[in-house]
């Protein structure tokens, strides 16, 4: 199922990859946390993050998980 961001209209396969997701809730694909929101960060994953979204500020390991990716560092 695809999720759509209520803020910017981006679409993703997981709600945790959008700044304001609209769709059914699901667990985090990385840590299994049942409550995934735009500020969710898996414990111990921060050092693996390589990109930040210029739109919403979310960080990710892969650029395709962000609507406006920019390299960190």
PDB file of N, CA and C in Angstrom:
ATOM      1  N   UNK A   1       0.840  -1.188   0.000  1.00  0.00           N
ATOM      2  CA  UNK A   1       0.000   0.000   0.000  1.00  0.00           C
ATOM      3  C   UNK A   1       0.878   1.241   0.000  1.00  0.00           C
ATOM      4  N   UNK A   2       0.536   2.220  -0.770  1.00  0.00           N
ATOM      5  CA  UNK A   2       1.286   3.473  -0.830  1.00  0.00           C
ATOM      6  C   UNK A   2       0.717   4.468   0.186  1.00  0.00           C
ATOM      7  N   UNK A   3       1.587   5.290   0.704  1.00  0.00           N
ATOM      8  CA  UNK A   3       1.206   6.343   1.633  1.00  0.00           C
ATOM      9  C   UNK A   3       1.511   7.679   0.979  1.00  0.00           C
ATOM     10  N   UNK A   4       0.707   8.672   1.260  1.00  0.00           N
ATOM     11  CA  UNK A   4       0.886   9.997   0.685  1.00  0.00           C
ATOM     12  C   UNK A   4       1.118  11.011   1.796  1.00  0.00           C
ATOM     13  N   UNK A   5       2.065  11.921   1.579  1.00  0.00           N
ATOM     14  CA  UNK A   5       2.352  12.969   2.550  1.00  0.00           C
ATOM     15  C   UNK A   5       1.295  14.063   2.449  1.00  0.00           C
ATOM     16  N   UNK A   6       0.689  14.406   3.574  1.00  0.00           N
ATOM     17  CA  UNK A   6      -0.329  15.459   3.602  1.00  0.00           C
ATOM     18  C   UNK A   6       0.278  16.841   3.387  1.00  0.00           C
ATOM     19  N   UNK A   7       1.592  16.996   3.618  1.00  0.00           N
ATOM     20  CA  UNK A   7       2.248  18.299   3.457  1.00  0.00           C
ATOM     21  C   UNK A   7       2.733  18.551   2.038  1.00  0.00           C
ATOM     22  N   UNK A   8       3.532  17.604   1.504  1.00  0.00           N
ATOM     23  CA  UNK A   8       4.176  17.869   0.215  1.00  0.00           C
ATOM     24  C   UNK A   8       3.667  16.991  -0.929  1.00  0.00           C
ATOM     25  N   UNK A   9       2.826  15.982  -0.628  1.00  0.00           N
ATOM     26  CA  UNK A   9       2.271  15.125  -1.667  1.00  0.00           C
ATOM     27  C   UNK A   9       3.170  13.984  -2.102  1.00  0.00           C
ATOM     28  N   UNK A  10       4.348  13.822  -1.465  1.00  0.00           N
ATOM     29  CA  UNK A  10       5.252  12.715  -1.804  1.00  0.00           C
ATOM     30  C   UNK A  10       4.578  11.391  -1.483  1.00  0.00           C
ATOM     31  N   UNK A  11       4.960  10.341  -2.206  1.00  0.00           N
ATOM     32  CA  UNK A  11       4.396   9.006  -2.011  1.00  0.00           C
ATOM     33  C   UNK A  11       5.511   8.049  -1.618  1.00  0.00           C
ATOM     34  N   UNK A  12       5.241   7.145  -0.659  1.00  0.00           N
ATOM     35  CA  UNK A  12       6.226   6.155  -0.220  1.00  0.00           C
ATOM     36  C   UNK A  12       5.508   4.869   0.149  1.00  0.00           C
ATOM     37  N   UNK A  13       6.255   3.778   0.207  1.00  0.00           N
ATOM     38  CA  UNK A  13       5.682   2.488   0.582  1.00  0.00           C
ATOM     39  C   UNK A  13       5.549   2.318   2.084  1.00  0.00           C
ATOM     40  N   UNK A  14       6.168   3.190   2.874  1.00  0.00           N
ATOM     41  CA  UNK A  14       6.093   3.117   4.332  1.00  0.00           C
ATOM     42  C   UNK A  14       5.790   4.507   4.886  1.00  0.00           C
ATOM     43  N   UNK A  15       4.928   4.618   5.891  1.00  0.00           N
ATOM     44  CA  UNK A  15       4.542   5.926   6.412  1.00  0.00           C
ATOM     45  C   UNK A  15       5.676   6.663   7.102  1.00  0.00           C
ATOM     46  N   UNK A  16       6.651   5.943   7.645  1.00  0.00           N
ATOM     47  CA  UNK A  16       7.765   6.582   8.331  1.00  0.00           C
ATOM     48  C   UNK A  16       8.697   7.327   7.415  1.00  0.00           C
ATOM     49  N   UNK A  17       8.516   7.205   6.107  1.00  0.00           N
ATOM     50  CA  UNK A  17       9.387   7.869   5.153  1.00  0.00           C
ATOM     51  C   UNK A  17       8.789   9.170   4.634  1.00  0.00           C
ATOM     52  N   UNK A  18       7.712   9.632   5.253  1.00  0.00           N
ATOM     53  CA  UNK A  18       7.060  10.873   4.851  1.00  0.00           C
ATOM     54  C   UNK A  18       6.946  11.807   6.045  1.00  0.00           C
ATOM     55  N   UNK A  19       6.949  13.119   5.795  1.00  0.00           N
ATOM     56  CA  UNK A  19       6.891  14.063   6.911  1.00  0.00           C
ATOM     57  C   UNK A  19       5.525  14.101   7.587  1.00  0.00           C
ATOM     58  N   UNK A  20       4.444  13.843   6.850  1.00  0.00           N
ATOM     59  CA  UNK A  20       3.097  13.814   7.429  1.00  0.00           C
ATOM     60  C   UNK A  20       2.260  12.779   6.669  1.00  0.00           C
ATOM     61  N   UNK A  21       2.463  11.478   6.983  1.00  0.00           N
ATOM     62  CA  UNK A  21       1.826  10.417   6.200  1.00  0.00           C
ATOM     63  C   UNK A  21       0.325  10.293   6.389  1.00  0.00           C
ATOM     64  N   UNK A  22      -0.336   9.870   5.326  1.00  0.00           N
ATOM     65  CA  UNK A  22      -1.762   9.579   5.348  1.00  0.00           C
ATOM     66  C   UNK A  22      -1.918   8.151   4.850  1.00  0.00           C
ATOM     67  N   UNK A  23      -2.528   7.282   5.636  1.00  0.00           N
ATOM     68  CA  UNK A  23      -2.716   5.880   5.269  1.00  0.00           C
ATOM     69  C   UNK A  23      -2.765   5.023   6.516  1.00  0.00           C
ATOM     70  N   UNK A  24      -2.848   3.712   6.348  1.00  0.00           N
ATOM     71  CA  UNK A  24      -2.872   2.807   7.487  1.00  0.00           C
ATOM     72  C   UNK A  24      -1.534   2.826   8.201  1.00  0.00           C
ATOM     73  N   UNK A  25      -1.569   2.723   9.553  1.00  0.00           N
ATOM     74  CA  UNK A  25      -0.335   2.677  10.330  1.00  0.00           C
ATOM     75  C   UNK A  25       0.304   1.312  10.186  1.00  0.00           C
ATOM     76  N   UNK A  26       1.634   1.293  10.229  1.00  0.00           N
ATOM     77  CA  UNK A  26       2.354   0.025  10.225  1.00  0.00           C
ATOM     78  C   UNK A  26       3.595   0.175  11.084  1.00  0.00           C
ATOM     79  N   UNK A  27       4.197  -0.932  11.454  1.00  0.00           N
ATOM     80  CA  UNK A  27       5.395  -0.915  12.277  1.00  0.00           C
ATOM     81  C   UNK A  27       6.596  -0.440  11.469  1.00  0.00           C
ATOM     82  N   UNK A  28       7.582   0.118  12.160  1.00  0.00           N
ATOM     83  CA  UNK A  28       8.817   0.559  11.524  1.00  0.00           C
ATOM     84  C   UNK A  28       9.512  -0.645  10.895  1.00  0.00           C
ATOM     85  N   UNK A  29       9.917  -0.528   9.642  1.00  0.00           N
ATOM     86  CA  UNK A  29      10.565  -1.643   8.948  1.00  0.00           C
ATOM     87  C   UNK A  29      11.975  -1.914   9.478  1.00  0.00           C
ATOM     88  N   UNK A  30      12.559  -0.972  10.215  1.00  0.00           N
ATOM     89  CA  UNK A  30      13.904  -1.164  10.744  1.00  0.00           C
ATOM     90  C   UNK A  30      13.891  -1.747  12.153  1.00  0.00           C
ATOM     91  N   UNK A  31      13.086  -1.178  13.058  1.00  0.00           N
ATOM     92  CA  UNK A  31      13.141  -1.609  14.462  1.00  0.00           C
ATOM     93  C   UNK A  31      11.851  -2.261  14.961  1.00  0.00           C
ATOM     94  N   UNK A  32      10.768  -2.182  14.187  1.00  0.00           N
ATOM     95  CA  UNK A  32       9.510  -2.815  14.579  1.00  0.00           C
ATOM     96  C   UNK A  32       8.637  -1.978  15.491  1.00  0.00           C
ATOM     97  N   UNK A  33       9.020  -0.751  15.767  1.00  0.00           N
ATOM     98  CA  UNK A  33       8.217   0.115  16.634  1.00  0.00           C
ATOM     99  C   UNK A  33       6.822   0.294  16.045  1.00  0.00           C
ATOM    100  N   UNK A  34       5.779   0.118  16.870  1.00  0.00           N
ATOM    101  CA  UNK A  34       4.411   0.225  16.341  1.00  0.00           C
ATOM    102  C   UNK A  34       3.936   1.654  16.086  1.00  0.00           C
ATOM    103  N   UNK A  35       4.540   2.636  16.700  1.00  0.00           N
ATOM    104  CA  UNK A  35       4.119   4.033  16.529  1.00  0.00           C
ATOM    105  C   UNK A  35       5.182   4.797  15.762  1.00  0.00           C
ATOM    106  N   UNK A  36       5.069   4.827  14.448  1.00  0.00           N
ATOM    107  CA  UNK A  36       6.045   5.526  13.617  1.00  0.00           C
ATOM    108  C   UNK A  36       5.490   6.895  13.244  1.00  0.00           C
ATOM    109  N   UNK A  37       6.230   7.944  13.589  1.00  0.00           N
ATOM    110  CA  UNK A  37       5.825   9.291  13.197  1.00  0.00           C
ATOM    111  C   UNK A  37       6.998   9.975  12.508  1.00  0.00           C
ATOM    112  N   UNK A  38       6.828  11.224  12.137  1.00  0.00           N
ATOM    113  CA  UNK A  38       7.881  11.913  11.374  1.00  0.00           C
ATOM    114  C   UNK A  38       9.156  12.130  12.169  1.00  0.00           C
ATOM    115  N   UNK A  39       9.115  12.030  13.495  1.00  0.00           N
ATOM    116  CA  UNK A  39      10.310  12.225  14.313  1.00  0.00           C
ATOM    117  C   UNK A  39      10.937  10.899  14.750  1.00  0.00           C
ATOM    118  N   UNK A  40      10.396   9.777  14.316  1.00  0.00           N
ATOM    119  CA  UNK A  40      10.893   8.464  14.739  1.00  0.00           C
ATOM    120  C   UNK A  40      12.326   8.229  14.272  1.00  0.00           C
ATOM    121  N   UNK A  41      13.176   7.836  15.194  1.00  0.00           N
ATOM    122  CA  UNK A  41      14.554   7.476  14.867  1.00  0.00           C
ATOM    123  C   UNK A  41      14.877   6.202  15.632  1.00  0.00           C
ATOM    124  N   UNK A  42      15.188   5.144  14.904  1.00  0.00           N
ATOM    125  CA  UNK A  42      15.531   3.877  15.521  1.00  0.00           C
ATOM    126  C   UNK A  42      16.792   4.035  16.368  1.00  0.00           C
ATOM    127  N   UNK A  43      16.774   3.430  17.567  1.00  0.00           N
ATOM    128  CA  UNK A  43      17.931   3.488  18.449  1.00  0.00           C
ATOM    129  C   UNK A  43      19.138   2.862  17.749  1.00  0.00           C
ATOM    130  N   UNK A  44      20.235   3.545  17.744  1.00  0.00           N
ATOM    131  CA  UNK A  44      21.462   3.039  17.150  1.00  0.00           C
ATOM    132  C   UNK A  44      21.572   3.237  15.646  1.00  0.00           C
ATOM    133  N   UNK A  45      20.573   3.819  15.003  1.00  0.00           N
ATOM    134  CA  UNK A  45      20.605   3.988  13.548  1.00  0.00           C
ATOM    135  C   UNK A  45      21.130   5.359  13.102  1.00  0.00           C
ATOM    136  N   UNK A  46      21.190   6.316  13.993  1.00  0.00           N
ATOM    137  CA  UNK A  46      21.562   7.676  13.605  1.00  0.00           C
ATOM    138  C   UNK A  46      22.918   7.742  12.912  1.00  0.00           C
ATOM    139  N   UNK A  47      23.882   6.965  13.362  1.00  0.00           N
ATOM    140  CA  UNK A  47      25.214   7.012  12.752  1.00  0.00           C
ATOM    141  C   UNK A  47      25.220   6.465  11.327  1.00  0.00           C
ATOM    142  N   UNK A  48      24.220   5.661  10.959  1.00  0.00           N
ATOM    143  CA  UNK A  48      24.146   5.086   9.619  1.00  0.00           C
ATOM    144  C   UNK A  48      23.446   6.006   8.622  1.00  0.00           C
ATOM    145  N   UNK A  49      22.859   7.094   9.097  1.00  0.00           N
ATOM    146  CA  UNK A  49      22.108   7.979   8.220  1.00  0.00           C
ATOM    147  C   UNK A  49      23.042   8.775   7.321  1.00  0.00           C
ATOM    148  N   UNK A  50      22.734   8.801   6.022  1.00  0.00           N
ATOM    149  CA  UNK A  50      23.586   9.465   5.035  1.00  0.00           C
ATOM    150  C   UNK A  50      22.923  10.660   4.365  1.00  0.00           C
ATOM    151  N   UNK A  51      21.594  10.782   4.494  1.00  0.00           N
ATOM    152  CA  UNK A  51      20.858  11.851   3.812  1.00  0.00           C
ATOM    153  C   UNK A  51      19.894  12.549   4.762  1.00  0.00           C
ATOM    154  N   UNK A  52      19.631  13.811   4.484  1.00  0.00           N
ATOM    155  CA  UNK A  52      18.639  14.594   5.215  1.00  0.00           C
ATOM    156  C   UNK A  52      17.692  15.202   4.180  1.00  0.00           C
ATOM    157  N   UNK A  53      16.421  15.312   4.537  1.00  0.00           N
ATOM    158  CA  UNK A  53      15.437  15.892   3.626  1.00  0.00           C
ATOM    159  C   UNK A  53      15.442  17.412   3.776  1.00  0.00           C
ATOM    160  N   UNK A  54      15.635  18.118   2.668  1.00  0.00           N
ATOM    161  CA  UNK A  54      15.602  19.589   2.702  1.00  0.00           C
ATOM    162  C   UNK A  54      14.185  20.108   2.909  1.00  0.00           C
ATOM    163  N   UNK A  55      13.175  19.242   2.755  1.00  0.00           N
ATOM    164  CA  UNK A  55      11.786  19.653   2.940  1.00  0.00           C
ATOM    165  C   UNK A  55      11.309  19.530   4.375  1.00  0.00           C
ATOM    166  N   UNK A  56      11.518  18.334   4.988  1.00  0.00           N
ATOM    167  CA  UNK A  56      10.954  18.089   6.317  1.00  0.00           C
ATOM    168  C   UNK A  56      11.997  17.853   7.402  1.00  0.00           C
ATOM    169  N   UNK A  57      13.272  17.666   7.010  1.00  0.00           N
ATOM    170  CA  UNK A  57      14.330  17.474   7.993  1.00  0.00           C
ATOM    171  C   UNK A  57      14.546  16.028   8.416  1.00  0.00           C
ATOM    172  N   UNK A  58      13.763  15.101   7.897  1.00  0.00           N
ATOM    173  CA  UNK A  58      13.919  13.693   8.236  1.00  0.00           C
ATOM    174  C   UNK A  58      15.256  13.205   7.691  1.00  0.00           C
ATOM    175  N   UNK A  59      15.880  12.232   8.375  1.00  0.00           N
ATOM    176  CA  UNK A  59      17.121  11.641   7.904  1.00  0.00           C
ATOM    177  C   UNK A  59      16.861  10.217   7.437  1.00  0.00           C
ATOM    178  N   UNK A  60      17.721   9.706   6.529  1.00  0.00           N
ATOM    179  CA  UNK A  60      17.548   8.358   5.995  1.00  0.00           C
ATOM    180  C   UNK A  60      18.886   7.798   5.539  1.00  0.00           C
ATOM    181  N   UNK A  61      18.931   6.464   5.434  1.00  0.00           N
ATOM    182  CA  UNK A  61      20.132   5.800   4.933  1.00  0.00           C
ATOM    183  C   UNK A  61      20.174   5.815   3.413  1.00  0.00           C
ATOM    184  N   UNK A  62      19.018   5.926   2.764  1.00  0.00           N
ATOM    185  CA  UNK A  62      18.938   5.925   1.305  1.00  0.00           C
ATOM    186  C   UNK A  62      18.174   7.153   0.827  1.00  0.00           C
ATOM    187  N   UNK A  63      18.643   7.775  -0.242  1.00  0.00           N
ATOM    188  CA  UNK A  63      18.049   9.022  -0.730  1.00  0.00           C
ATOM    189  C   UNK A  63      16.603   8.850  -1.190  1.00  0.00           C
ATOM    190  N   UNK A  64      16.244   7.661  -1.714  1.00  0.00           N
ATOM    191  CA  UNK A  64      14.878   7.460  -2.211  1.00  0.00           C
ATOM    192  C   UNK A  64      13.834   7.409  -1.091  1.00  0.00           C
ATOM    193  N   UNK A  65      14.255   7.427   0.158  1.00  0.00           N
ATOM    194  CA  UNK A  65      13.313   7.444   1.276  1.00  0.00           C
ATOM    195  C   UNK A  65      12.917   8.878   1.664  1.00  0.00           C
ATOM    196  N   UNK A  66      13.439   9.865   0.960  1.00  0.00           N
ATOM    197  CA  UNK A  66      13.168  11.276   1.279  1.00  0.00           C
ATOM    198  C   UNK A  66      12.625  12.007   0.067  1.00  0.00           C
ATOM    199  N   UNK A  67      11.799  13.025   0.317  1.00  0.00           N
ATOM    200  CA  UNK A  67      11.204  13.766  -0.806  1.00  0.00           C
ATOM    201  C   UNK A  67      12.192  14.754  -1.428  1.00  0.00           C
ATOM    202  N   UNK A  68      13.089  15.335  -0.630  1.00  0.00           N
ATOM    203  CA  UNK A  68      14.103  16.272  -1.134  1.00  0.00           C
ATOM    204  C   UNK A  68      15.447  15.932  -0.495  1.00  0.00           C
ATOM    205  N   UNK A  69      16.082  14.805  -0.912  1.00  0.00           N
ATOM    206  CA  UNK A  69      17.311  14.346  -0.262  1.00  0.00           C
ATOM    207  C   UNK A  69      18.526  15.230  -0.516  1.00  0.00           C
ATOM    208  N   UNK A  70      19.350  15.350   0.523  1.00  0.00           N
ATOM    209  CA  UNK A  70      20.639  16.042   0.420  1.00  0.00           C
ATOM    210  C   UNK A  70      21.632  15.246   1.256  1.00  0.00           C
ATOM    211  N   UNK A  71      22.857  15.061   0.775  1.00  0.00           N
ATOM    212  CA  UNK A  71      23.857  14.307   1.540  1.00  0.00           C
ATOM    213  C   UNK A  71      24.176  14.992   2.867  1.00  0.00           C
ATOM    214  N   UNK A  72      24.380  14.202   3.901  1.00  0.00           N
ATOM    215  CA  UNK A  72      24.808  14.727   5.209  1.00  0.00           C
ATOM    216  C   UNK A  72      26.324  14.816   5.199  1.00  0.00           C
ATOM    217  N   UNK A  73      26.821  15.925   5.670  1.00  0.00           N
ATOM    218  CA  UNK A  73      28.266  16.032   5.834  1.00  0.00           C
ATOM    219  C   UNK A  73      28.902  16.789   4.790  1.00  0.00           C
TER     220      UNK A  73
END
